[in-house]
Amino acid sequence: MSSEENKALVRRYRDIHNKGNLDELDKIVAQDIISHSALPGMPPGLEGGKMAHQAFLSAFPDTHTDTQDLIAEGDKVVERYSAHGANTGSFMGAPATGKKYSIESIVIYRIANGKIVEMWGLNDTQGLMMQLGMMPAPGQSA
């Protein structure tokens, strides 16, 4: 696949997540995808990815993401995206805070045979936790 086709695949991936239509992921993500940033305790592969996404959406049902940058070379695509929403459900065992959040993330995708087969993600989890009041900002006491 060309770099432009690979970027189009990642755009489709992002769109599927925004619409919450996770069954569509079967068409563009390998069942045995290797996620180097998978949540502990989740099953491997696409099944675990879907479960993690559902868990996040139960805590932040109005989450929306917007791709800021897509850079492709060879079989890899790097995406920088922003995410925002409100915490209206339980998150990491803590009750909903009702607070809004806005973070940025970076993901590297490896694509083979028209599907996402591997990914590495870096999310601003610390920023999210501070915005929700689940941890103090630097210089503030707990």
N, C-alpha and C. Protein backbone atom coordinates (compact mmCIF):
# COMPACT_ATOMS: atom_id res chain seq x y z
N MET A 1 0.84 -1.19 0.00
CA MET A 1 0.00 0.00 0.00
C MET A 1 0.88 1.24 0.00
N SER A 2 0.40 2.28 -0.62
CA SER A 2 1.14 3.54 -0.66
C SER A 2 1.00 4.27 0.68
N SER A 3 1.83 5.27 0.88
CA SER A 3 1.74 6.08 2.10
C SER A 3 0.36 6.72 2.22
N GLU A 4 -0.19 7.20 1.11
CA GLU A 4 -1.51 7.83 1.15
C GLU A 4 -2.60 6.83 1.50
N GLU A 5 -2.49 5.60 1.00
CA GLU A 5 -3.47 4.55 1.34
C GLU A 5 -3.35 4.19 2.83
N ASN A 6 -2.13 4.12 3.33
CA ASN A 6 -1.93 3.84 4.75
C ASN A 6 -2.52 4.95 5.63
N LYS A 7 -2.32 6.20 5.23
CA LYS A 7 -2.91 7.31 5.99
C LYS A 7 -4.43 7.25 5.93
N ALA A 8 -5.00 6.89 4.80
CA ALA A 8 -6.46 6.77 4.67
C ALA A 8 -6.98 5.68 5.62
N LEU A 9 -6.23 4.60 5.77
CA LEU A 9 -6.62 3.53 6.68
C LEU A 9 -6.66 4.03 8.12
N VAL A 10 -5.68 4.82 8.52
CA VAL A 10 -5.65 5.38 9.88
C VAL A 10 -6.79 6.38 10.06
N ARG A 11 -7.09 7.17 9.04
CA ARG A 11 -8.25 8.08 9.13
C ARG A 11 -9.54 7.29 9.35
N ARG A 12 -9.66 6.18 8.65
CA ARG A 12 -10.84 5.33 8.81
C ARG A 12 -10.89 4.76 10.23
N TYR A 13 -9.75 4.33 10.74
CA TYR A 13 -9.65 3.82 12.12
C TYR A 13 -10.15 4.87 13.11
N ARG A 14 -9.68 6.10 12.96
CA ARG A 14 -10.08 7.18 13.86
C ARG A 14 -11.59 7.43 13.75
N ASP A 15 -12.11 7.42 12.53
CA ASP A 15 -13.54 7.65 12.31
C ASP A 15 -14.38 6.57 12.97
N ILE A 16 -13.95 5.32 12.86
CA ILE A 16 -14.67 4.20 13.49
C ILE A 16 -14.72 4.41 15.00
N HIS A 17 -13.61 4.82 15.59
CA HIS A 17 -13.59 5.07 17.04
C HIS A 17 -14.51 6.22 17.42
N ASN A 18 -14.51 7.27 16.64
CA ASN A 18 -15.39 8.41 16.96
C ASN A 18 -16.86 8.03 16.88
N LYS A 19 -17.20 7.16 15.94
CA LYS A 19 -18.60 6.74 15.79
C LYS A 19 -18.96 5.59 16.72
N GLY A 20 -17.96 4.96 17.35
CA GLY A 20 -18.21 3.86 18.27
C GLY A 20 -18.67 2.57 17.59
N ASN A 21 -18.46 2.47 16.30
CA ASN A 21 -18.87 1.29 15.54
C ASN A 21 -17.72 0.29 15.50
N LEU A 22 -17.43 -0.33 16.63
CA LEU A 22 -16.22 -1.14 16.77
C LEU A 22 -16.23 -2.39 15.92
N ASP A 23 -17.39 -2.87 15.50
CA ASP A 23 -17.43 -4.05 14.62
C ASP A 23 -16.74 -3.77 13.29
N GLU A 24 -16.71 -2.51 12.88
CA GLU A 24 -16.04 -2.13 11.63
C GLU A 24 -14.52 -2.32 11.71
N LEU A 25 -13.99 -2.37 12.94
CA LEU A 25 -12.55 -2.55 13.11
C LEU A 25 -12.08 -3.88 12.53
N ASP A 26 -12.97 -4.89 12.53
CA ASP A 26 -12.60 -6.20 11.99
C ASP A 26 -12.13 -6.11 10.54
N LYS A 27 -12.59 -5.10 9.82
CA LYS A 27 -12.24 -4.94 8.41
C LYS A 27 -10.86 -4.33 8.20
N ILE A 28 -10.35 -3.59 9.20
CA ILE A 28 -9.10 -2.84 8.99
C ILE A 28 -8.02 -3.12 10.02
N VAL A 29 -8.34 -3.92 11.05
CA VAL A 29 -7.37 -4.25 12.10
C VAL A 29 -7.23 -5.76 12.16
N ALA A 30 -5.99 -6.24 12.19
CA ALA A 30 -5.74 -7.68 12.30
C ALA A 30 -6.25 -8.20 13.64
N GLN A 31 -6.84 -9.38 13.63
CA GLN A 31 -7.35 -10.00 14.87
C GLN A 31 -6.23 -10.17 15.89
N ASP A 32 -5.02 -10.45 15.42
CA ASP A 32 -3.89 -10.68 16.31
C ASP A 32 -2.98 -9.46 16.42
N ILE A 33 -3.55 -8.27 16.27
CA ILE A 33 -2.76 -7.03 16.37
C ILE A 33 -1.93 -7.06 17.65
N ILE A 34 -0.74 -6.52 17.55
CA ILE A 34 0.13 -6.39 18.71
C ILE A 34 0.09 -4.93 19.13
N SER A 35 -0.45 -4.69 20.33
CA SER A 35 -0.49 -3.33 20.87
C SER A 35 0.55 -3.24 21.97
N HIS A 36 1.56 -2.42 21.74
CA HIS A 36 2.64 -2.27 22.71
C HIS A 36 2.25 -1.37 23.88
N SER A 37 1.04 -0.82 23.84
CA SER A 37 0.57 0.05 24.91
C SER A 37 -0.78 -0.44 25.43
N ALA A 38 -1.03 -1.74 25.32
CA ALA A 38 -2.30 -2.31 25.79
C ALA A 38 -2.43 -2.15 27.30
N LEU A 39 -3.66 -2.03 27.74
CA LEU A 39 -3.92 -1.93 29.17
C LEU A 39 -3.66 -3.28 29.84
N PRO A 40 -3.06 -3.26 31.02
CA PRO A 40 -2.81 -4.51 31.74
C PRO A 40 -4.14 -5.23 32.03
N GLY A 41 -4.11 -6.55 31.92
CA GLY A 41 -5.30 -7.33 32.24
C GLY A 41 -6.26 -7.53 31.08
N MET A 42 -6.03 -6.85 29.96
CA MET A 42 -6.89 -7.01 28.80
C MET A 42 -6.39 -8.17 27.96
N PRO A 43 -7.30 -8.87 27.29
CA PRO A 43 -6.86 -9.94 26.39
C PRO A 43 -6.03 -9.37 25.25
N PRO A 44 -5.19 -10.17 24.64
CA PRO A 44 -4.39 -9.67 23.52
C PRO A 44 -5.25 -9.50 22.27
N GLY A 45 -4.68 -8.82 21.30
CA GLY A 45 -5.31 -8.70 20.00
C GLY A 45 -6.45 -7.71 19.95
N LEU A 46 -7.20 -7.81 18.87
CA LEU A 46 -8.30 -6.88 18.62
C LEU A 46 -9.37 -6.95 19.70
N GLU A 47 -9.61 -8.14 20.24
CA GLU A 47 -10.61 -8.29 21.31
C GLU A 47 -10.28 -7.39 22.50
N GLY A 48 -9.02 -7.41 22.93
CA GLY A 48 -8.60 -6.56 24.06
C GLY A 48 -8.70 -5.09 23.73
N GLY A 49 -8.36 -4.72 22.49
CA GLY A 49 -8.48 -3.33 22.08
C GLY A 49 -9.91 -2.84 22.12
N LYS A 50 -10.83 -3.66 21.66
CA LYS A 50 -12.25 -3.29 21.71
C LYS A 50 -12.72 -3.14 23.15
N MET A 51 -12.28 -4.06 24.02
CA MET A 51 -12.68 -3.99 25.43
C MET A 51 -12.15 -2.71 26.09
N ALA A 52 -10.90 -2.35 25.80
CA ALA A 52 -10.32 -1.14 26.37
C ALA A 52 -11.07 0.09 25.88
N HIS A 53 -11.41 0.11 24.60
CA HIS A 53 -12.15 1.24 24.03
C HIS A 53 -13.53 1.36 24.70
N GLN A 54 -14.21 0.24 24.88
CA GLN A 54 -15.53 0.26 25.51
C GLN A 54 -15.43 0.75 26.96
N ALA A 55 -14.39 0.32 27.68
CA ALA A 55 -14.21 0.77 29.06
C ALA A 55 -14.00 2.27 29.12
N PHE A 56 -13.20 2.80 28.18
CA PHE A 56 -12.96 4.25 28.15
C PHE A 56 -14.25 4.99 27.82
N LEU A 57 -15.00 4.47 26.85
CA LEU A 57 -16.25 5.13 26.46
C LEU A 57 -17.30 5.08 27.57
N SER A 58 -17.27 4.06 28.42
CA SER A 58 -18.24 4.04 29.52
C SER A 58 -17.92 5.14 30.54
N ALA A 59 -16.66 5.52 30.65
CA ALA A 59 -16.27 6.61 31.55
C ALA A 59 -16.40 7.98 30.90
N PHE A 60 -16.21 8.03 29.56
CA PHE A 60 -16.21 9.29 28.81
C PHE A 60 -17.06 9.11 27.54
N PRO A 61 -18.37 8.95 27.67
CA PRO A 61 -19.19 8.60 26.51
C PRO A 61 -19.22 9.64 25.39
N ASP A 62 -18.94 10.89 25.71
CA ASP A 62 -18.97 11.93 24.67
C ASP A 62 -17.59 12.22 24.08
N THR A 63 -16.63 11.35 24.34
CA THR A 63 -15.27 11.56 23.83
C THR A 63 -15.29 11.72 22.32
N HIS A 64 -14.52 12.68 21.86
CA HIS A 64 -14.34 12.88 20.42
C HIS A 64 -12.85 13.13 20.19
N THR A 65 -12.33 12.55 19.11
CA THR A 65 -10.93 12.75 18.77
C THR A 65 -10.81 13.42 17.41
N ASP A 66 -9.77 14.19 17.25
CA ASP A 66 -9.48 14.87 15.99
C ASP A 66 -8.01 14.66 15.65
N THR A 67 -7.77 14.15 14.46
CA THR A 67 -6.39 13.98 14.00
C THR A 67 -5.79 15.34 13.71
N GLN A 68 -4.62 15.57 14.28
CA GLN A 68 -3.89 16.83 14.07
C GLN A 68 -2.83 16.67 12.99
N ASP A 69 -2.14 15.53 13.01
CA ASP A 69 -1.08 15.26 12.04
C ASP A 69 -1.07 13.78 11.68
N LEU A 70 -0.80 13.49 10.42
CA LEU A 70 -0.55 12.12 9.95
C LEU A 70 0.72 12.16 9.13
N ILE A 71 1.67 11.33 9.50
CA ILE A 71 2.94 11.26 8.79
C ILE A 71 3.18 9.79 8.45
N ALA A 72 3.44 9.51 7.19
CA ALA A 72 3.61 8.12 6.76
C ALA A 72 4.94 7.92 6.06
N GLU A 73 5.53 6.77 6.34
CA GLU A 73 6.74 6.36 5.64
C GLU A 73 6.80 4.84 5.66
N GLY A 74 6.97 4.25 4.51
CA GLY A 74 7.01 2.79 4.43
C GLY A 74 5.71 2.19 4.93
N ASP A 75 5.83 1.24 5.86
CA ASP A 75 4.64 0.57 6.38
C ASP A 75 4.12 1.17 7.68
N LYS A 76 4.63 2.36 8.06
CA LYS A 76 4.22 3.00 9.32
C LYS A 76 3.54 4.34 9.08
N VAL A 77 2.58 4.63 9.97
CA VAL A 77 1.90 5.92 9.99
C VAL A 77 1.95 6.42 11.43
N VAL A 78 2.33 7.68 11.60
CA VAL A 78 2.33 8.32 12.91
C VAL A 78 1.16 9.30 12.93
N GLU A 79 0.36 9.19 13.97
CA GLU A 79 -0.79 10.08 14.13
C GLU A 79 -0.66 10.83 15.45
N ARG A 80 -0.84 12.15 15.38
CA ARG A 80 -0.99 12.97 16.59
C ARG A 80 -2.43 13.41 16.60
N TYR A 81 -3.12 13.11 17.69
CA TYR A 81 -4.53 13.49 17.76
C TYR A 81 -4.87 14.10 19.11
N SER A 82 -5.94 14.87 19.13
CA SER A 82 -6.45 15.43 20.37
C SER A 82 -7.75 14.71 20.72
N ALA A 83 -8.02 14.62 22.00
CA ALA A 83 -9.25 14.00 22.49
C ALA A 83 -9.84 14.89 23.57
N HIS A 84 -11.16 14.96 23.59
CA HIS A 84 -11.82 15.75 24.62
C HIS A 84 -13.19 15.13 24.93
N GLY A 85 -13.65 15.40 26.12
CA GLY A 85 -14.94 14.88 26.56
C GLY A 85 -15.14 15.19 28.03
N ALA A 86 -16.12 14.54 28.63
CA ALA A 86 -16.43 14.73 30.04
C ALA A 86 -16.51 13.37 30.72
N ASN A 87 -16.07 13.34 31.96
CA ASN A 87 -16.06 12.11 32.76
C ASN A 87 -17.42 11.95 33.45
N THR A 88 -18.29 11.15 32.85
CA THR A 88 -19.63 10.94 33.41
C THR A 88 -19.85 9.51 33.87
N GLY A 89 -18.81 8.68 33.83
CA GLY A 89 -18.91 7.30 34.31
C GLY A 89 -17.67 6.94 35.11
N SER A 90 -17.72 5.84 35.80
CA SER A 90 -16.61 5.37 36.61
C SER A 90 -15.35 5.21 35.75
N PHE A 91 -14.21 5.63 36.31
CA PHE A 91 -12.93 5.55 35.59
C PHE A 91 -11.86 5.06 36.55
N MET A 92 -11.24 3.93 36.20
CA MET A 92 -10.16 3.35 37.00
C MET A 92 -10.60 3.15 38.45
N GLY A 93 -11.84 2.75 38.64
CA GLY A 93 -12.37 2.49 39.97
C GLY A 93 -12.86 3.71 40.71
N ALA A 94 -12.68 4.90 40.14
CA ALA A 94 -13.12 6.13 40.79
C ALA A 94 -14.48 6.55 40.22
N PRO A 95 -15.32 7.14 41.05
CA PRO A 95 -16.62 7.58 40.53
C PRO A 95 -16.45 8.74 39.54
N ALA A 96 -17.48 8.96 38.74
CA ALA A 96 -17.46 10.05 37.76
C ALA A 96 -17.25 11.38 38.46
N THR A 97 -16.48 12.24 37.81
CA THR A 97 -16.22 13.57 38.36
C THR A 97 -17.07 14.64 37.69
N GLY A 98 -17.57 14.36 36.51
CA GLY A 98 -18.32 15.36 35.75
C GLY A 98 -17.41 16.39 35.09
N LYS A 99 -16.11 16.27 35.30
CA LYS A 99 -15.16 17.25 34.75
C LYS A 99 -14.83 16.94 33.30
N LYS A 100 -14.53 18.01 32.56
CA LYS A 100 -14.13 17.88 31.16
C LYS A 100 -12.62 17.68 31.08
N TYR A 101 -12.20 17.06 29.98
CA TYR A 101 -10.78 16.86 29.75
C TYR A 101 -10.45 17.16 28.29
N SER A 102 -9.19 17.45 28.07
CA SER A 102 -8.67 17.64 26.72
C SER A 102 -7.20 17.25 26.75
N ILE A 103 -6.84 16.23 25.96
CA ILE A 103 -5.46 15.76 25.93
C ILE A 103 -5.02 15.53 24.49
N GLU A 104 -3.73 15.31 24.33
CA GLU A 104 -3.18 14.93 23.03
C GLU A 104 -2.48 13.58 23.18
N SER A 105 -2.48 12.83 22.10
CA SER A 105 -1.84 11.51 22.07
C SER A 105 -1.09 11.33 20.76
N ILE A 106 -0.16 10.41 20.77
CA ILE A 106 0.59 10.05 19.57
C ILE A 106 0.57 8.53 19.45
N VAL A 107 0.26 8.04 18.25
CA VAL A 107 0.23 6.60 18.00
C VAL A 107 1.02 6.32 16.73
N ILE A 108 1.80 5.27 16.77
CA ILE A 108 2.48 4.77 15.57
C ILE A 108 1.80 3.46 15.18
N TYR A 109 1.37 3.38 13.94
CA TYR A 109 0.70 2.18 13.42
C TYR A 109 1.62 1.52 12.40
N ARG A 110 1.67 0.19 12.42
CA ARG A 110 2.32 -0.56 11.34
C ARG A 110 1.24 -1.29 10.57
N ILE A 111 1.31 -1.16 9.25
CA ILE A 111 0.27 -1.68 8.38
C ILE A 111 0.86 -2.75 7.46
N ALA A 112 0.13 -3.86 7.33
CA ALA A 112 0.53 -4.94 6.42
C ALA A 112 -0.73 -5.54 5.81
N ASN A 113 -0.68 -5.79 4.51
CA ASN A 113 -1.79 -6.41 3.81
C ASN A 113 -3.12 -5.68 4.03
N GLY A 114 -3.07 -4.36 4.09
CA GLY A 114 -4.29 -3.56 4.19
C GLY A 114 -4.91 -3.51 5.58
N LYS A 115 -4.17 -3.95 6.61
CA LYS A 115 -4.70 -3.92 7.98
C LYS A 115 -3.65 -3.38 8.95
N ILE A 116 -4.14 -2.82 10.04
CA ILE A 116 -3.25 -2.39 11.12
C ILE A 116 -2.86 -3.65 11.89
N VAL A 117 -1.54 -3.91 11.97
CA VAL A 117 -1.06 -5.14 12.59
C VAL A 117 -0.27 -4.91 13.88
N GLU A 118 0.13 -3.67 14.10
CA GLU A 118 0.93 -3.36 15.28
C GLU A 118 0.77 -1.89 15.58
N MET A 119 0.80 -1.55 16.88
CA MET A 119 0.71 -0.13 17.24
C MET A 119 1.40 0.15 18.57
N TRP A 120 1.89 1.38 18.66
CA TRP A 120 2.54 1.91 19.85
C TRP A 120 1.84 3.22 20.16
N GLY A 121 1.37 3.41 21.38
CA GLY A 121 0.66 4.64 21.73
C GLY A 121 1.26 5.33 22.93
N LEU A 122 1.21 6.64 22.91
CA LEU A 122 1.65 7.45 24.03
C LEU A 122 0.52 8.44 24.33
N ASN A 123 -0.13 8.23 25.49
CA ASN A 123 -1.26 9.06 25.88
C ASN A 123 -0.89 9.92 27.08
N ASP A 124 -1.48 11.08 27.18
CA ASP A 124 -1.22 11.98 28.30
C ASP A 124 -2.10 11.59 29.49
N THR A 125 -1.83 10.42 30.04
CA THR A 125 -2.63 9.91 31.16
C THR A 125 -2.49 10.81 32.39
N GLN A 126 -1.28 11.31 32.62
CA GLN A 126 -1.07 12.19 33.77
C GLN A 126 -1.89 13.47 33.63
N GLY A 127 -1.89 14.05 32.45
CA GLY A 127 -2.70 15.25 32.21
C GLY A 127 -4.18 14.98 32.41
N LEU A 128 -4.63 13.83 31.94
CA LEU A 128 -6.03 13.43 32.12
C LEU A 128 -6.37 13.33 33.60
N MET A 129 -5.53 12.64 34.36
CA MET A 129 -5.77 12.46 35.79
C MET A 129 -5.79 13.80 36.54
N MET A 130 -4.90 14.71 36.16
CA MET A 130 -4.89 16.04 36.80
C MET A 130 -6.16 16.81 36.47
N GLN A 131 -6.60 16.77 35.20
CA GLN A 131 -7.81 17.49 34.81
C GLN A 131 -9.05 16.95 35.51
N LEU A 132 -9.05 15.66 35.82
CA LEU A 132 -10.19 15.06 36.51
C LEU A 132 -10.11 15.25 38.02
N GLY A 133 -8.99 15.80 38.51
CA GLY A 133 -8.83 15.98 39.95
C GLY A 133 -8.45 14.70 40.66
N MET A 134 -7.96 13.72 39.91
CA MET A 134 -7.58 12.43 40.49
C MET A 134 -6.13 12.42 40.96
N MET A 135 -5.38 13.46 40.61
CA MET A 135 -4.02 13.63 41.11
C MET A 135 -3.70 15.12 41.04
N PRO A 136 -2.87 15.59 41.94
CA PRO A 136 -2.56 17.03 41.94
C PRO A 136 -1.64 17.42 40.79
N ALA A 137 -1.79 18.67 40.37
CA ALA A 137 -0.89 19.22 39.37
C ALA A 137 0.46 19.46 40.04
N PRO A 138 1.55 19.51 39.28
CA PRO A 138 2.86 19.78 39.88
C PRO A 138 2.81 21.07 40.72
N GLY A 139 3.38 20.99 41.92
CA GLY A 139 3.42 22.16 42.81
C GLY A 139 2.21 22.28 43.70
N GLN A 140 1.20 21.45 43.51
CA GLN A 140 0.02 21.48 44.37
C GLN A 140 0.07 20.29 45.30
N SER A 141 -0.46 20.48 46.50
CA SER A 141 -0.47 19.36 47.44
C SER A 141 -1.68 18.47 47.16
N ALA A 142 -1.57 17.24 47.56
CA ALA A 142 -2.62 16.24 47.30
C ALA A 142 -3.87 16.49 48.07
